[in-house]
Amino acid sequence: MSQTAESLSQQAAQLPPAERMELVERILDTLDTPDPNLDALWAKEAEDRLAAYRRGEISALPLAEVLGKYTVKTSGA
């Protein structure tokens, strides 16, 4: 990491959590620029996966099962 980045990182660490989150979002937004080549690769991958599914080469899971893996379970107390 460059000296500038290190300095900025140390300064950012001193911010309140809400401001750090906003800063992170702004930085991530700068990385989220469309890339037609990458989009084309992902479209081809999606088409290939769908074709493989339709041929019976791969299976799928119900959406509820997939989302269930990420649901926070709370105790009934």
C-alpha atoms as a PDB file:
ATOM      1  CA  MET A   1       0.000   0.000   0.000  1.00  0.00           C
ATOM      2  CA  SER A   2       1.347   3.416  -0.888  1.00  0.00           C
ATOM      3  CA  GLN A   3       2.168   5.964   1.773  1.00  0.00           C
ATOM      4  CA  THR A   4      -0.804   8.083   0.650  1.00  0.00           C
ATOM      5  CA  ALA A   5      -3.182   5.129   0.881  1.00  0.00           C
ATOM      6  CA  GLU A   6      -1.796   4.182   4.286  1.00  0.00           C
ATOM      7  CA  SER A   7      -2.273   7.736   5.553  1.00  0.00           C
ATOM      8  CA  LEU A   8      -5.827   7.868   4.204  1.00  0.00           C
ATOM      9  CA  SER A   9      -6.573   4.499   5.775  1.00  0.00           C
ATOM     10  CA  GLN A  10      -5.383   5.701   9.170  1.00  0.00           C
ATOM     11  CA  GLN A  11      -7.457   8.879   8.858  1.00  0.00           C
ATOM     12  CA  ALA A  12     -10.526   6.907   7.802  1.00  0.00           C
ATOM     13  CA  ALA A  13     -10.150   4.620  10.816  1.00  0.00           C
ATOM     14  CA  GLN A  14     -10.681   7.651  13.054  1.00  0.00           C
ATOM     15  CA  LEU A  15     -14.096   8.437  11.538  1.00  0.00           C
ATOM     16  CA  PRO A  16     -17.325   7.382  13.231  1.00  0.00           C
ATOM     17  CA  PRO A  17     -18.687   4.061  11.891  1.00  0.00           C
ATOM     18  CA  ALA A  18     -21.464   5.688   9.828  1.00  0.00           C
ATOM     19  CA  GLU A  19     -18.991   7.968   8.063  1.00  0.00           C
ATOM     20  CA  ARG A  20     -16.621   5.042   7.419  1.00  0.00           C
ATOM     21  CA  MET A  21     -19.477   3.109   5.802  1.00  0.00           C
ATOM     22  CA  GLU A  22     -20.345   6.082   3.604  1.00  0.00           C
ATOM     23  CA  LEU A  23     -16.702   6.390   2.594  1.00  0.00           C
ATOM     24  CA  VAL A  24     -16.521   2.687   1.747  1.00  0.00           C
ATOM     25  CA  GLU A  25     -19.662   2.989  -0.387  1.00  0.00           C
ATOM     26  CA  ARG A  26     -18.226   5.965  -2.254  1.00  0.00           C
ATOM     27  CA  ILE A  27     -14.974   4.131  -2.929  1.00  0.00           C
ATOM     28  CA  LEU A  28     -16.820   1.013  -4.101  1.00  0.00           C
ATOM     29  CA  ASP A  29     -18.973   3.158  -6.395  1.00  0.00           C
ATOM     30  CA  THR A  30     -15.812   4.302  -8.185  1.00  0.00           C
ATOM     31  CA  LEU A  31     -14.967   0.662  -8.922  1.00  0.00           C
ATOM     32  CA  ASP A  32     -18.431  -0.162 -10.250  1.00  0.00           C
ATOM     33  CA  THR A  33     -18.007   1.028 -13.803  1.00  0.00           C
ATOM     34  CA  PRO A  34     -19.513  -0.986 -16.653  1.00  0.00           C
ATOM     35  CA  ASP A  35     -17.122  -3.153 -18.620  1.00  0.00           C
ATOM     36  CA  PRO A  36     -18.686  -4.426 -21.867  1.00  0.00           C
ATOM     37  CA  ASN A  37     -16.110  -7.225 -22.152  1.00  0.00           C
ATOM     38  CA  LEU A  38     -16.794  -8.465 -18.635  1.00  0.00           C
ATOM     39  CA  ASP A  39     -20.550  -8.161 -19.179  1.00  0.00           C
ATOM     40  CA  ALA A  40     -20.240 -10.271 -22.342  1.00  0.00           C
ATOM     41  CA  LEU A  41     -18.252 -12.928 -20.482  1.00  0.00           C
ATOM     42  CA  TRP A  42     -20.875 -13.125 -17.717  1.00  0.00           C
ATOM     43  CA  ALA A  43     -23.698 -13.300 -20.279  1.00  0.00           C
ATOM     44  CA  LYS A  44     -21.933 -16.209 -22.024  1.00  0.00           C
ATOM     45  CA  GLU A  45     -21.398 -17.950 -18.670  1.00  0.00           C
ATOM     46  CA  ALA A  46     -25.092 -17.559 -17.803  1.00  0.00           C
ATOM     47  CA  GLU A  47     -26.123 -18.918 -21.213  1.00  0.00           C
ATOM     48  CA  ASP A  48     -23.749 -21.877 -20.851  1.00  0.00           C
ATOM     49  CA  ARG A  49     -25.071 -22.686 -17.371  1.00  0.00           C
ATOM     50  CA  LEU A  50     -28.690 -22.481 -18.504  1.00  0.00           C
ATOM     51  CA  ALA A  51     -27.962 -24.748 -21.470  1.00  0.00           C
ATOM     52  CA  ALA A  52     -26.224 -27.263 -19.170  1.00  0.00           C
ATOM     53  CA  TYR A  53     -29.209 -27.167 -16.801  1.00  0.00           C
ATOM     54  CA  ARG A  54     -31.645 -27.764 -19.658  1.00  0.00           C
ATOM     55  CA  ARG A  55     -29.536 -30.709 -20.851  1.00  0.00           C
ATOM     56  CA  GLY A  56     -29.697 -32.174 -17.328  1.00  0.00           C
ATOM     57  CA  GLU A  57     -25.951 -31.837 -16.768  1.00  0.00           C
ATOM     58  CA  ILE A  58     -26.351 -29.671 -13.669  1.00  0.00           C
ATOM     59  CA  SER A  59     -29.128 -29.302 -11.130  1.00  0.00           C
ATOM     60  CA  ALA A  60     -30.589 -26.324  -9.350  1.00  0.00           C
ATOM     61  CA  LEU A  61     -31.769 -25.560  -5.833  1.00  0.00           C
ATOM     62  CA  PRO A  62     -35.013 -23.850  -4.892  1.00  0.00           C
ATOM     63  CA  LEU A  63     -34.536 -20.148  -4.151  1.00  0.00           C
ATOM     64  CA  ALA A  64     -35.921 -20.581  -0.616  1.00  0.00           C
ATOM     65  CA  GLU A  65     -33.220 -23.163   0.132  1.00  0.00           C
ATOM     66  CA  VAL A  66     -30.441 -20.909  -1.135  1.00  0.00           C
ATOM     67  CA  LEU A  67     -31.731 -17.879   0.777  1.00  0.00           C
ATOM     68  CA  GLY A  68     -32.242 -20.023   3.874  1.00  0.00           C
ATOM     69  CA  LYS A  69     -28.482 -20.450   4.135  1.00  0.00           C
ATOM     70  CA  TYR A  70     -28.163 -16.720   4.686  1.00  0.00           C
ATOM     71  CA  THR A  71     -31.098 -16.150   7.012  1.00  0.00           C
ATOM     72  CA  VAL A  72     -30.193 -15.305  10.559  1.00  0.00           C
ATOM     73  CA  LYS A  73     -31.853 -17.751  12.896  1.00  0.00           C
ATOM     74  CA  THR A  74     -33.048 -16.385  16.223  1.00  0.00           C
ATOM     75  CA  SER A  75     -33.871 -18.364  19.329  1.00  0.00           C
ATOM     76  CA  GLY A  76     -37.483 -18.541  20.428  1.00  0.00           C
ATOM     77  CA  ALA A  77     -36.633 -17.177  23.891  1.00  0.00           C
END
